[in-house]
């Protein structure tokens, strides 16, 4: 019995040494992203006009259209790339694509703006 206990203690001590001798593993690190996280740009529609168009919009950013008025509007691209219905109180998000686009409201033709996305 005493011999068995000594063998067990020896094995336990050796396993501890083996664990202690094992070099620690390095934690993998994530490389920094080459592209910045998308920014959210808000365009408020109210009083029969589009709010100021945001600057510095990049392809992949998010454009958030918010209708704070009591009338229904649209944010319609002349080139057809988007046509967003904005009911009163609505908020609609879209992903920006590169280019310069004229935006107008189908219901109110005097509502126009230019959105530039780099």
PDB file of N, CA and C in Angstrom:
ATOM      1  N   UNK A   1       0.820  -1.186   0.000  1.00  0.00           N
ATOM      2  CA  UNK A   1       0.000   0.000   0.000  1.00  0.00           C
ATOM      3  C   UNK A   1       0.869   1.256   0.000  1.00  0.00           C
ATOM      4  N   UNK A   2       1.913   1.212   0.859  1.00  0.00           N
ATOM      5  CA  UNK A   2       2.809   2.353   0.946  1.00  0.00           C
ATOM      6  C   UNK A   2       3.536   2.564  -0.376  1.00  0.00           C
ATOM      7  N   UNK A   3       3.903   1.494  -1.032  1.00  0.00           N
ATOM      8  CA  UNK A   3       4.592   1.549  -2.323  1.00  0.00           C
ATOM      9  C   UNK A   3       3.675   2.144  -3.385  1.00  0.00           C
ATOM     10  N   UNK A   4       2.413   1.743  -3.374  1.00  0.00           N
ATOM     11  CA  UNK A   4       1.442   2.270  -4.327  1.00  0.00           C
ATOM     12  C   UNK A   4       1.250   3.768  -4.124  1.00  0.00           C
ATOM     13  N   UNK A   5       1.216   4.180  -2.873  1.00  0.00           N
ATOM     14  CA  UNK A   5       1.045   5.594  -2.560  1.00  0.00           C
ATOM     15  C   UNK A   5       2.243   6.400  -3.049  1.00  0.00           C
ATOM     16  N   UNK A   6       3.447   5.849  -2.901  1.00  0.00           N
ATOM     17  CA  UNK A   6       4.651   6.548  -3.355  1.00  0.00           C
ATOM     18  C   UNK A   6       4.684   6.645  -4.883  1.00  0.00           C
ATOM     19  N   UNK A   7       4.275   5.587  -5.569  1.00  0.00           N
ATOM     20  CA  UNK A   7       4.226   5.607  -7.034  1.00  0.00           C
ATOM     21  C   UNK A   7       3.213   6.656  -7.493  1.00  0.00           C
ATOM     22  N   UNK A   8       2.064   6.686  -6.854  1.00  0.00           N
ATOM     23  CA  UNK A   8       1.028   7.665  -7.207  1.00  0.00           C
ATOM     24  C   UNK A   8       1.529   9.093  -6.986  1.00  0.00           C
ATOM     25  N   UNK A   9       2.203   9.341  -5.864  1.00  0.00           N
ATOM     26  CA  UNK A   9       2.736  10.670  -5.563  1.00  0.00           C
ATOM     27  C   UNK A   9       3.794  11.058  -6.584  1.00  0.00           C
ATOM     28  N   UNK A  10       4.628  10.101  -6.982  1.00  0.00           N
ATOM     29  CA  UNK A  10       5.663  10.376  -7.983  1.00  0.00           C
ATOM     30  C   UNK A  10       5.041  10.730  -9.331  1.00  0.00           C
ATOM     31  N   UNK A  11       4.027   9.978  -9.728  1.00  0.00           N
ATOM     32  CA  UNK A  11       3.348  10.268 -10.998  1.00  0.00           C
ATOM     33  C   UNK A  11       2.666  11.632 -10.961  1.00  0.00           C
ATOM     34  N   UNK A  12       2.066  11.948  -9.849  1.00  0.00           N
ATOM     35  CA  UNK A  12       1.402  13.240  -9.696  1.00  0.00           C
ATOM     36  C   UNK A  12       2.410  14.377  -9.794  1.00  0.00           C
ATOM     37  N   UNK A  13       3.546  14.230  -9.152  1.00  0.00           N
ATOM     38  CA  UNK A  13       4.584  15.257  -9.195  1.00  0.00           C
ATOM     39  C   UNK A  13       5.128  15.416 -10.605  1.00  0.00           C
ATOM     40  N   UNK A  14       5.322  14.315 -11.318  1.00  0.00           N
ATOM     41  CA  UNK A  14       5.853  14.386 -12.684  1.00  0.00           C
ATOM     42  C   UNK A  14       4.849  15.034 -13.632  1.00  0.00           C
ATOM     43  N   UNK A  15       3.571  14.761 -13.433  1.00  0.00           N
ATOM     44  CA  UNK A  15       2.583  15.386 -14.312  1.00  0.00           C
ATOM     45  C   UNK A  15       2.529  16.882 -14.070  1.00  0.00           C
ATOM     46  N   UNK A  16       2.729  17.309 -12.844  1.00  0.00           N
ATOM     47  CA  UNK A  16       2.783  18.742 -12.544  1.00  0.00           C
ATOM     48  C   UNK A  16       3.962  19.402 -13.211  1.00  0.00           C
ATOM     49  N   UNK A  17       5.093  18.709 -13.232  1.00  0.00           N
ATOM     50  CA  UNK A  17       6.271  19.255 -13.902  1.00  0.00           C
ATOM     51  C   UNK A  17       6.050  19.349 -15.401  1.00  0.00           C
ATOM     52  N   UNK A  18       5.375  18.360 -15.959  1.00  0.00           N
ATOM     53  CA  UNK A  18       5.112  18.380 -17.398  1.00  0.00           C
ATOM     54  C   UNK A  18       4.208  19.549 -17.754  1.00  0.00           C
ATOM     55  N   UNK A  19       3.213  19.812 -16.929  1.00  0.00           N
ATOM     56  CA  UNK A  19       2.316  20.940 -17.184  1.00  0.00           C
ATOM     57  C   UNK A  19       3.064  22.244 -17.027  1.00  0.00           C
ATOM     58  N   UNK A  20       3.919  22.328 -15.996  1.00  0.00           N
ATOM     59  CA  UNK A  20       4.670  23.556 -15.762  1.00  0.00           C
ATOM     60  C   UNK A  20       5.672  23.808 -16.876  1.00  0.00           C
ATOM     61  N   UNK A  21       6.187  22.735 -17.503  1.00  0.00           N
ATOM     62  CA  UNK A  21       7.178  22.897 -18.555  1.00  0.00           C
ATOM     63  C   UNK A  21       6.558  23.243 -19.899  1.00  0.00           C
ATOM     64  N   UNK A  22       5.248  23.098 -20.035  1.00  0.00           N
ATOM     65  CA  UNK A  22       4.583  23.404 -21.294  1.00  0.00           C
ATOM     66  C   UNK A  22       4.512  24.917 -21.474  1.00  0.00           C
ATOM     67  N   UNK A  23       5.038  25.439 -22.579  1.00  0.00           N
ATOM     68  CA  UNK A  23       4.988  26.893 -22.778  1.00  0.00           C
ATOM     69  C   UNK A  23       3.541  27.355 -22.951  1.00  0.00           C
ATOM     70  N   UNK A  24       3.246  28.551 -22.461  1.00  0.00           N
ATOM     71  CA  UNK A  24       1.877  29.053 -22.605  1.00  0.00           C
ATOM     72  C   UNK A  24       1.543  29.288 -24.073  1.00  0.00           C
ATOM     73  N   UNK A  25       0.301  29.049 -24.419  1.00  0.00           N
ATOM     74  CA  UNK A  25      -0.123  29.299 -25.798  1.00  0.00           C
ATOM     75  C   UNK A  25      -0.413  30.780 -25.955  1.00  0.00           C
ATOM     76  N   UNK A  26      -0.099  31.292 -27.109  1.00  0.00           N
ATOM     77  CA  UNK A  26      -0.370  32.699 -27.388  1.00  0.00           C
ATOM     78  C   UNK A  26      -1.829  32.856 -27.764  1.00  0.00           C
ATOM     79  N   UNK A  27      -2.429  33.909 -27.273  1.00  0.00           N
ATOM     80  CA  UNK A  27      -3.806  34.202 -27.661  1.00  0.00           C
ATOM     81  C   UNK A  27      -3.792  34.789 -29.058  1.00  0.00           C
ATOM     82  N   UNK A  28      -4.600  34.238 -29.945  1.00  0.00           N
ATOM     83  CA  UNK A  28      -4.633  34.821 -31.299  1.00  0.00           C
ATOM     84  C   UNK A  28      -5.204  36.235 -31.239  1.00  0.00           C
ATOM     85  N   UNK A  29      -4.593  37.106 -31.999  1.00  0.00           N
ATOM     86  CA  UNK A  29      -5.099  38.474 -32.056  1.00  0.00           C
ATOM     87  C   UNK A  29      -5.746  38.702 -33.404  1.00  0.00           C
ATOM     88  N   UNK A  30      -6.733  39.538 -33.409  1.00  0.00           N
ATOM     89  CA  UNK A  30      -7.426  39.873 -34.640  1.00  0.00           C
ATOM     90  C   UNK A  30      -6.713  41.049 -35.292  1.00  0.00           C
ATOM     91  N   UNK A  31      -6.393  40.901 -36.549  1.00  0.00           N
ATOM     92  CA  UNK A  31      -5.754  41.990 -37.278  1.00  0.00           C
ATOM     93  C   UNK A  31      -6.739  43.138 -37.419  1.00  0.00           C
ATOM     94  N   UNK A  32      -6.248  44.364 -37.324  1.00  0.00           N
ATOM     95  CA  UNK A  32      -7.161  45.496 -37.482  1.00  0.00           C
ATOM     96  C   UNK A  32      -7.798  45.492 -38.867  1.00  0.00           C
ATOM     97  N   UNK A  33      -9.035  45.882 -38.907  1.00  0.00           N
ATOM     98  CA  UNK A  33      -9.781  45.899 -40.164  1.00  0.00           C
ATOM     99  C   UNK A  33      -9.262  47.011 -41.061  1.00  0.00           C
ATOM    100  N   UNK A  34      -9.120  46.705 -42.330  1.00  0.00           N
ATOM    101  CA  UNK A  34      -8.647  47.704 -43.286  1.00  0.00           C
ATOM    102  C   UNK A  34      -9.742  48.708 -43.621  1.00  0.00           C
ATOM    103  N   UNK A  35     -10.987  48.302 -43.480  1.00  0.00           N
ATOM    104  CA  UNK A  35     -12.087  49.209 -43.782  1.00  0.00           C
ATOM    105  C   UNK A  35     -12.735  49.664 -42.485  1.00  0.00           C
ATOM    106  N   UNK A  36     -13.029  50.948 -42.381  1.00  0.00           N
ATOM    107  CA  UNK A  36     -13.658  51.438 -41.158  1.00  0.00           C
ATOM    108  C   UNK A  36     -15.092  50.931 -41.038  1.00  0.00           C
ATOM    109  N   UNK A  37     -15.578  50.899 -39.826  1.00  0.00           N
ATOM    110  CA  UNK A  37     -16.967  50.485 -39.590  1.00  0.00           C
ATOM    111  C   UNK A  37     -17.899  51.479 -40.272  1.00  0.00           C
ATOM    112  N   UNK A  38     -19.032  51.011 -40.786  1.00  0.00           N
ATOM    113  CA  UNK A  38     -19.965  51.926 -41.445  1.00  0.00           C
ATOM    114  C   UNK A  38     -20.473  53.002 -40.484  1.00  0.00           C
ATOM    115  N   UNK A  39     -20.575  54.207 -40.989  1.00  0.00           N
ATOM    116  CA  UNK A  39     -21.125  55.330 -40.229  1.00  0.00           C
ATOM    117  C   UNK A  39     -22.605  55.458 -40.566  1.00  0.00           C
ATOM    118  N   UNK A  40     -23.380  55.993 -39.642  1.00  0.00           N
ATOM    119  CA  UNK A  40     -24.796  56.249 -39.892  1.00  0.00           C
ATOM    120  C   UNK A  40     -24.969  57.748 -40.103  1.00  0.00           C
ATOM    121  N   UNK A  41     -25.588  58.120 -41.219  1.00  0.00           N
ATOM    122  CA  UNK A  41     -25.843  59.520 -41.564  1.00  0.00           C
ATOM    123  C   UNK A  41     -27.356  59.714 -41.627  1.00  0.00           C
ATOM    124  N   UNK A  42     -27.863  60.667 -40.863  1.00  0.00           N
ATOM    125  CA  UNK A  42     -29.310  60.884 -40.771  1.00  0.00           C
ATOM    126  C   UNK A  42     -29.715  62.059 -41.652  1.00  0.00           C
ATOM    127  N   UNK A  43     -30.757  61.839 -42.460  1.00  0.00           N
ATOM    128  CA  UNK A  43     -31.347  62.907 -43.269  1.00  0.00           C
ATOM    129  C   UNK A  43     -32.788  63.054 -42.807  1.00  0.00           C
ATOM    130  N   UNK A  44     -33.112  64.225 -42.289  1.00  0.00           N
ATOM    131  CA  UNK A  44     -34.459  64.486 -41.780  1.00  0.00           C
ATOM    132  C   UNK A  44     -35.277  65.155 -42.875  1.00  0.00           C
ATOM    133  N   UNK A  45     -36.490  64.641 -43.078  1.00  0.00           N
ATOM    134  CA  UNK A  45     -37.427  65.214 -44.042  1.00  0.00           C
ATOM    135  C   UNK A  45     -38.524  65.898 -43.228  1.00  0.00           C
ATOM    136  N   UNK A  46     -38.714  67.189 -43.467  1.00  0.00           N
ATOM    137  CA  UNK A  46     -39.715  67.946 -42.714  1.00  0.00           C
ATOM    138  C   UNK A  46     -39.989  69.251 -43.454  1.00  0.00           C
ATOM    139  N   UNK A  47     -41.179  69.771 -43.293  1.00  0.00           N
ATOM    140  CA  UNK A  47     -41.576  71.051 -43.875  1.00  0.00           C
ATOM    141  C   UNK A  47     -41.264  71.124 -45.364  1.00  0.00           C
ATOM    142  N   UNK A  48     -41.627  70.072 -46.070  1.00  0.00           N
ATOM    143  CA  UNK A  48     -41.504  70.035 -47.535  1.00  0.00           C
ATOM    144  C   UNK A  48     -40.070  70.203 -48.033  1.00  0.00           C
ATOM    145  N   UNK A  49     -39.109  69.703 -47.272  1.00  0.00           N
ATOM    146  CA  UNK A  49     -37.722  69.736 -47.731  1.00  0.00           C
ATOM    147  C   UNK A  49     -36.914  68.628 -47.073  1.00  0.00           C
ATOM    148  N   UNK A  50     -35.832  68.266 -47.755  1.00  0.00           N
ATOM    149  CA  UNK A  50     -34.875  67.341 -47.173  1.00  0.00           C
ATOM    150  C   UNK A  50     -33.936  68.170 -46.312  1.00  0.00           C
ATOM    151  N   UNK A  51     -33.607  67.649 -45.142  1.00  0.00           N
ATOM    152  CA  UNK A  51     -32.642  68.341 -44.290  1.00  0.00           C
ATOM    153  C   UNK A  51     -31.297  68.401 -44.985  1.00  0.00           C
ATOM    154  N   UNK A  52     -30.315  69.009 -44.363  1.00  0.00           N
ATOM    155  CA  UNK A  52     -29.003  69.087 -45.006  1.00  0.00           C
ATOM    156  C   UNK A  52     -28.485  67.695 -45.363  1.00  0.00           C
ATOM    157  N   UNK A  53     -27.945  67.594 -46.547  1.00  0.00           N
ATOM    158  CA  UNK A  53     -27.354  66.330 -46.978  1.00  0.00           C
ATOM    159  C   UNK A  53     -26.033  66.152 -46.228  1.00  0.00           C
ATOM    160  N   UNK A  54     -25.782  64.949 -45.744  1.00  0.00           N
ATOM    161  CA  UNK A  54     -24.544  64.715 -45.000  1.00  0.00           C
ATOM    162  C   UNK A  54     -23.329  64.782 -45.911  1.00  0.00           C
ATOM    163  N   UNK A  55     -22.202  65.131 -45.318  1.00  0.00           N
ATOM    164  CA  UNK A  55     -20.933  65.132 -46.054  1.00  0.00           C
ATOM    165  C   UNK A  55     -20.084  63.986 -45.513  1.00  0.00           C
ATOM    166  N   UNK A  56     -19.130  63.563 -46.280  1.00  0.00           N
ATOM    167  CA  UNK A  56     -18.234  62.497 -45.834  1.00  0.00           C
ATOM    168  C   UNK A  56     -18.845  61.112 -45.870  1.00  0.00           C
ATOM    169  N   UNK A  57     -19.897  60.935 -46.668  1.00  0.00           N
ATOM    170  CA  UNK A  57     -20.531  59.616 -46.769  1.00  0.00           C
ATOM    171  C   UNK A  57     -19.668  58.730 -47.664  1.00  0.00           C
ATOM    172  N   UNK A  58     -19.415  57.514 -47.200  1.00  0.00           N
ATOM    173  CA  UNK A  58     -18.629  56.548 -47.970  1.00  0.00           C
ATOM    174  C   UNK A  58     -19.510  55.365 -48.349  1.00  0.00           C
ATOM    175  N   UNK A  59     -19.157  54.728 -49.447  1.00  0.00           N
ATOM    176  CA  UNK A  59     -19.885  53.525 -49.866  1.00  0.00           C
ATOM    177  C   UNK A  59     -19.867  52.528 -48.709  1.00  0.00           C
ATOM    178  N   UNK A  60     -21.015  51.943 -48.425  1.00  0.00           N
ATOM    179  CA  UNK A  60     -21.134  51.004 -47.315  1.00  0.00           C
ATOM    180  C   UNK A  60     -21.676  51.634 -46.050  1.00  0.00           C
ATOM    181  N   UNK A  61     -21.618  52.974 -45.958  1.00  0.00           N
ATOM    182  CA  UNK A  61     -22.218  53.662 -44.811  1.00  0.00           C
ATOM    183  C   UNK A  61     -23.732  53.497 -44.860  1.00  0.00           C
ATOM    184  N   UNK A  62     -24.384  53.829 -43.781  1.00  0.00           N
ATOM    185  CA  UNK A  62     -25.836  53.732 -43.684  1.00  0.00           C
ATOM    186  C   UNK A  62     -26.440  55.128 -43.753  1.00  0.00           C
ATOM    187  N   UNK A  63     -27.428  55.289 -44.636  1.00  0.00           N
ATOM    188  CA  UNK A  63     -28.207  56.526 -44.701  1.00  0.00           C
ATOM    189  C   UNK A  63     -29.527  56.233 -44.003  1.00  0.00           C
ATOM    190  N   UNK A  64     -29.866  57.062 -43.036  1.00  0.00           N
ATOM    191  CA  UNK A  64     -31.130  56.908 -42.322  1.00  0.00           C
ATOM    192  C   UNK A  64     -32.028  58.092 -42.676  1.00  0.00           C
ATOM    193  N   UNK A  65     -33.140  57.795 -43.334  1.00  0.00           N
ATOM    194  CA  UNK A  65     -34.117  58.803 -43.726  1.00  0.00           C
ATOM    195  C   UNK A  65     -35.192  58.856 -42.643  1.00  0.00           C
ATOM    196  N   UNK A  66     -35.464  60.040 -42.114  1.00  0.00           N
ATOM    197  CA  UNK A  66     -36.448  60.203 -41.042  1.00  0.00           C
ATOM    198  C   UNK A  66     -37.467  61.248 -41.476  1.00  0.00           C
ATOM    199  N   UNK A  67     -38.742  60.855 -41.555  1.00  0.00           N
ATOM    200  CA  UNK A  67     -39.810  61.794 -41.913  1.00  0.00           C
ATOM    201  C   UNK A  67     -40.445  62.309 -40.624  1.00  0.00           C
ATOM    202  N   UNK A  68     -40.148  63.547 -40.282  1.00  0.00           N
ATOM    203  CA  UNK A  68     -40.711  64.158 -39.073  1.00  0.00           C
ATOM    204  C   UNK A  68     -41.965  64.969 -39.372  1.00  0.00           C
ATOM    205  N   UNK A  69     -42.352  65.010 -40.623  1.00  0.00           N
ATOM    206  CA  UNK A  69     -43.521  65.795 -41.010  1.00  0.00           C
ATOM    207  C   UNK A  69     -44.814  65.008 -40.897  1.00  0.00           C
ATOM    208  N   UNK A  70     -45.905  65.676 -41.296  1.00  0.00           N
ATOM    209  CA  UNK A  70     -47.229  65.039 -41.251  1.00  0.00           C
ATOM    210  C   UNK A  70     -47.663  64.546 -42.626  1.00  0.00           C
ATOM    211  N   UNK A  71     -46.841  64.817 -43.645  1.00  0.00           N
ATOM    212  CA  UNK A  71     -47.152  64.395 -45.013  1.00  0.00           C
ATOM    213  C   UNK A  71     -46.271  63.216 -45.420  1.00  0.00           C
ATOM    214  N   UNK A  72     -46.791  62.395 -46.326  1.00  0.00           N
ATOM    215  CA  UNK A  72     -45.995  61.307 -46.878  1.00  0.00           C
ATOM    216  C   UNK A  72     -45.033  61.867 -47.924  1.00  0.00           C
ATOM    217  N   UNK A  73     -43.819  61.338 -47.951  1.00  0.00           N
ATOM    218  CA  UNK A  73     -42.802  61.746 -48.919  1.00  0.00           C
ATOM    219  C   UNK A  73     -42.119  60.496 -49.466  1.00  0.00           C
ATOM    220  N   UNK A  74     -41.265  60.712 -50.442  1.00  0.00           N
ATOM    221  CA  UNK A  74     -40.364  59.659 -50.903  1.00  0.00           C
ATOM    222  C   UNK A  74     -38.959  60.238 -50.971  1.00  0.00           C
ATOM    223  N   UNK A  75     -37.998  59.363 -50.943  1.00  0.00           N
ATOM    224  CA  UNK A  75     -36.615  59.703 -51.265  1.00  0.00           C
ATOM    225  C   UNK A  75     -36.311  58.824 -52.471  1.00  0.00           C
ATOM    226  N   UNK A  76     -36.435  59.430 -53.643  1.00  0.00           N
ATOM    227  CA  UNK A  76     -36.332  58.690 -54.898  1.00  0.00           C
ATOM    228  C   UNK A  76     -35.106  59.169 -55.666  1.00  0.00           C
ATOM    229  N   UNK A  77     -34.265  58.240 -56.074  1.00  0.00           N
ATOM    230  CA  UNK A  77     -33.075  58.579 -56.851  1.00  0.00           C
ATOM    231  C   UNK A  77     -33.459  58.713 -58.318  1.00  0.00           C
ATOM    232  N   UNK A  78     -33.011  59.787 -58.951  1.00  0.00           N
ATOM    233  CA  UNK A  78     -33.317  59.994 -60.381  1.00  0.00           C
ATOM    234  C   UNK A  78     -32.779  58.859 -61.244  1.00  0.00           C
ATOM    235  N   UNK A  79     -31.647  58.278 -60.825  1.00  0.00           N
ATOM    236  CA  UNK A  79     -31.062  57.198 -61.627  1.00  0.00           C
ATOM    237  C   UNK A  79     -31.670  55.834 -61.301  1.00  0.00           C
ATOM    238  N   UNK A  80     -32.648  55.792 -60.404  1.00  0.00           N
ATOM    239  CA  UNK A  80     -33.360  54.553 -60.105  1.00  0.00           C
ATOM    240  C   UNK A  80     -32.708  53.637 -59.081  1.00  0.00           C
ATOM    241  N   UNK A  81     -31.601  54.048 -58.479  1.00  0.00           N
ATOM    242  CA  UNK A  81     -30.913  53.136 -57.552  1.00  0.00           C
ATOM    243  C   UNK A  81     -31.661  52.905 -56.249  1.00  0.00           C
ATOM    244  N   UNK A  82     -32.555  53.826 -55.865  1.00  0.00           N
ATOM    245  CA  UNK A  82     -33.413  53.593 -54.702  1.00  0.00           C
ATOM    246  C   UNK A  82     -34.688  54.412 -54.822  1.00  0.00           C
ATOM    247  N   UNK A  83     -35.731  53.953 -54.168  1.00  0.00           N
ATOM    248  CA  UNK A  83     -37.034  54.622 -54.129  1.00  0.00           C
ATOM    249  C   UNK A  83     -37.658  54.275 -52.774  1.00  0.00           C
ATOM    250  N   UNK A  84     -37.531  55.179 -51.837  1.00  0.00           N
ATOM    251  CA  UNK A  84     -37.936  54.919 -50.458  1.00  0.00           C
ATOM    252  C   UNK A  84     -39.215  55.674 -50.133  1.00  0.00           C
ATOM    253  N   UNK A  85     -40.208  54.938 -49.642  1.00  0.00           N
ATOM    254  CA  UNK A  85     -41.473  55.532 -49.209  1.00  0.00           C
ATOM    255  C   UNK A  85     -41.322  55.952 -47.753  1.00  0.00           C
ATOM    256  N   UNK A  86     -41.642  57.220 -47.474  1.00  0.00           N
ATOM    257  CA  UNK A  86     -41.502  57.754 -46.118  1.00  0.00           C
ATOM    258  C   UNK A  86     -42.848  58.257 -45.610  1.00  0.00           C
ATOM    259  N   UNK A  87     -43.575  57.390 -44.971  1.00  0.00           N
ATOM    260  CA  UNK A  87     -44.844  57.794 -44.366  1.00  0.00           C
ATOM    261  C   UNK A  87     -44.547  58.700 -43.171  1.00  0.00           C
ATOM    262  N   UNK A  88     -45.513  59.505 -42.721  1.00  0.00           N
ATOM    263  CA  UNK A  88     -45.270  60.372 -41.560  1.00  0.00           C
ATOM    264  C   UNK A  88     -44.754  59.561 -40.366  1.00  0.00           C
ATOM    265  N   UNK A  89     -43.670  60.031 -39.776  1.00  0.00           N
ATOM    266  CA  UNK A  89     -43.078  59.363 -38.623  1.00  0.00           C
ATOM    267  C   UNK A  89     -42.161  58.200 -38.954  1.00  0.00           C
ATOM    268  N   UNK A  90     -42.019  57.880 -40.232  1.00  0.00           N
ATOM    269  CA  UNK A  90     -41.222  56.707 -40.626  1.00  0.00           C
ATOM    270  C   UNK A  90     -39.721  56.987 -40.558  1.00  0.00           C
ATOM    271  N   UNK A  91     -38.976  55.928 -40.293  1.00  0.00           N
ATOM    272  CA  UNK A  91     -37.518  55.936 -40.371  1.00  0.00           C
ATOM    273  C   UNK A  91     -37.121  54.737 -41.223  1.00  0.00           C
ATOM    274  N   UNK A  92     -36.335  54.996 -42.268  1.00  0.00           N
ATOM    275  CA  UNK A  92     -35.910  53.930 -43.180  1.00  0.00           C
ATOM    276  C   UNK A  92     -34.403  54.026 -43.359  1.00  0.00           C
ATOM    277  N   UNK A  93     -33.734  52.878 -43.290  1.00  0.00           N
ATOM    278  CA  UNK A  93     -32.280  52.832 -43.485  1.00  0.00           C
ATOM    279  C   UNK A  93     -31.943  52.173 -44.813  1.00  0.00           C
ATOM    280  N   UNK A  94     -30.858  52.640 -45.410  1.00  0.00           N
ATOM    281  CA  UNK A  94     -30.359  52.045 -46.645  1.00  0.00           C
ATOM    282  C   UNK A  94     -28.838  52.073 -46.624  1.00  0.00           C
ATOM    283  N   UNK A  95     -28.241  51.179 -47.388  1.00  0.00           N
ATOM    284  CA  UNK A  95     -26.784  51.147 -47.521  1.00  0.00           C
ATOM    285  C   UNK A  95     -26.389  52.064 -48.671  1.00  0.00           C
ATOM    286  N   UNK A  96     -25.426  52.940 -48.421  1.00  0.00           N
ATOM    287  CA  UNK A  96     -24.989  53.892 -49.436  1.00  0.00           C
ATOM    288  C   UNK A  96     -24.089  53.217 -50.464  1.00  0.00           C
ATOM    289  N   UNK A  97     -24.298  53.570 -51.734  1.00  0.00           N
ATOM    290  CA  UNK A  97     -23.434  53.106 -52.814  1.00  0.00           C
ATOM    291  C   UNK A  97     -22.752  54.319 -53.437  1.00  0.00           C
ATOM    292  N   UNK A  98     -21.561  54.125 -53.949  1.00  0.00           N
ATOM    293  CA  UNK A  98     -20.753  55.225 -54.467  1.00  0.00           C
ATOM    294  C   UNK A  98     -21.428  55.942 -55.628  1.00  0.00           C
ATOM    295  N   UNK A  99     -21.240  57.254 -55.651  1.00  0.00           N
ATOM    296  CA  UNK A  99     -21.752  58.069 -56.742  1.00  0.00           C
ATOM    297  C   UNK A  99     -22.460  59.312 -56.241  1.00  0.00           C
ATOM    298  N   UNK A 100     -22.789  60.170 -57.180  1.00  0.00           N
ATOM    299  CA  UNK A 100     -23.556  61.378 -56.886  1.00  0.00           C
ATOM    300  C   UNK A 100     -24.937  61.171 -57.464  1.00  0.00           C
ATOM    301  N   UNK A 101     -25.947  61.355 -56.634  1.00  0.00           N
ATOM    302  CA  UNK A 101     -27.309  61.083 -57.085  1.00  0.00           C
ATOM    303  C   UNK A 101     -28.240  62.221 -56.682  1.00  0.00           C
ATOM    304  N   UNK A 102     -29.102  62.590 -57.621  1.00  0.00           N
ATOM    305  CA  UNK A 102     -30.133  63.577 -57.317  1.00  0.00           C
ATOM    306  C   UNK A 102     -31.319  62.836 -56.715  1.00  0.00           C
ATOM    307  N   UNK A 103     -31.798  63.351 -55.596  1.00  0.00           N
ATOM    308  CA  UNK A 103     -32.920  62.757 -54.872  1.00  0.00           C
ATOM    309  C   UNK A 103     -34.106  63.705 -54.989  1.00  0.00           C
ATOM    310  N   UNK A 104     -35.300  63.134 -55.196  1.00  0.00           N
ATOM    311  CA  UNK A 104     -36.505  63.960 -55.255  1.00  0.00           C
ATOM    312  C   UNK A 104     -37.662  63.226 -54.592  1.00  0.00           C
ATOM    313  N   UNK A 105     -38.737  63.966 -54.325  1.00  0.00           N
ATOM    314  CA  UNK A 105     -39.958  63.389 -53.765  1.00  0.00           C
ATOM    315  C   UNK A 105     -40.975  63.254 -54.895  1.00  0.00           C
ATOM    316  N   UNK A 106     -41.530  62.061 -55.064  1.00  0.00           N
ATOM    317  CA  UNK A 106     -42.522  61.824 -56.119  1.00  0.00           C
ATOM    318  C   UNK A 106     -43.782  62.662 -55.921  1.00  0.00           C
ATOM    319  N   UNK A 107     -44.121  62.943 -54.672  1.00  0.00           N
ATOM    320  CA  UNK A 107     -45.352  63.683 -54.384  1.00  0.00           C
ATOM    321  C   UNK A 107     -45.164  65.196 -54.419  1.00  0.00           C
ATOM    322  N   UNK A 108     -43.943  65.649 -54.225  1.00  0.00           N
ATOM    323  CA  UNK A 108     -43.658  67.087 -54.137  1.00  0.00           C
ATOM    324  C   UNK A 108     -42.420  67.393 -54.981  1.00  0.00           C
ATOM    325  N   UNK A 109     -42.603  67.679 -56.274  1.00  0.00           N
ATOM    326  CA  UNK A 109     -41.483  67.806 -57.209  1.00  0.00           C
ATOM    327  C   UNK A 109     -40.483  68.915 -56.879  1.00  0.00           C
ATOM    328  N   UNK A 110     -40.853  69.854 -56.021  1.00  0.00           N
ATOM    329  CA  UNK A 110     -39.885  70.902 -55.663  1.00  0.00           C
ATOM    330  C   UNK A 110     -38.903  70.429 -54.589  1.00  0.00           C
ATOM    331  N   UNK A 111     -39.176  69.272 -54.015  1.00  0.00           N
ATOM    332  CA  UNK A 111     -38.255  68.714 -53.017  1.00  0.00           C
ATOM    333  C   UNK A 111     -37.151  67.961 -53.751  1.00  0.00           C
ATOM    334  N   UNK A 112     -35.966  68.554 -53.799  1.00  0.00           N
ATOM    335  CA  UNK A 112     -34.816  67.930 -54.454  1.00  0.00           C
ATOM    336  C   UNK A 112     -33.570  68.133 -53.589  1.00  0.00           C
ATOM    337  N   UNK A 113     -32.643  67.228 -53.733  1.00  0.00           N
ATOM    338  CA  UNK A 113     -31.365  67.331 -53.025  1.00  0.00           C
ATOM    339  C   UNK A 113     -30.348  66.481 -53.772  1.00  0.00           C
ATOM    340  N   UNK A 114     -29.084  66.702 -53.486  1.00  0.00           N
ATOM    341  CA  UNK A 114     -28.018  65.913 -54.092  1.00  0.00           C
ATOM    342  C   UNK A 114     -27.246  65.204 -52.988  1.00  0.00           C
ATOM    343  N   UNK A 115     -27.122  63.897 -53.135  1.00  0.00           N
ATOM    344  CA  UNK A 115     -26.401  63.067 -52.177  1.00  0.00           C
ATOM    345  C   UNK A 115     -25.110  62.592 -52.834  1.00  0.00           C
ATOM    346  N   UNK A 116     -23.977  62.851 -52.177  1.00  0.00           N
ATOM    347  CA  UNK A 116     -22.673  62.443 -52.698  1.00  0.00           C
ATOM    348  C   UNK A 116     -22.110  61.348 -51.795  1.00  0.00           C
ATOM    349  N   UNK A 117     -21.785  60.213 -52.420  1.00  0.00           N
ATOM    350  CA  UNK A 117     -21.211  59.079 -51.691  1.00  0.00           C
ATOM    351  C   UNK A 117     -19.887  58.728 -52.355  1.00  0.00           C
ATOM    352  N   UNK A 118     -18.814  58.728 -51.577  1.00  0.00           N
ATOM    353  CA  UNK A 118     -17.474  58.431 -52.123  1.00  0.00           C
ATOM    354  C   UNK A 118     -17.171  56.961 -52.054  1.00  0.00           C
TER     355      UNK A 118
END
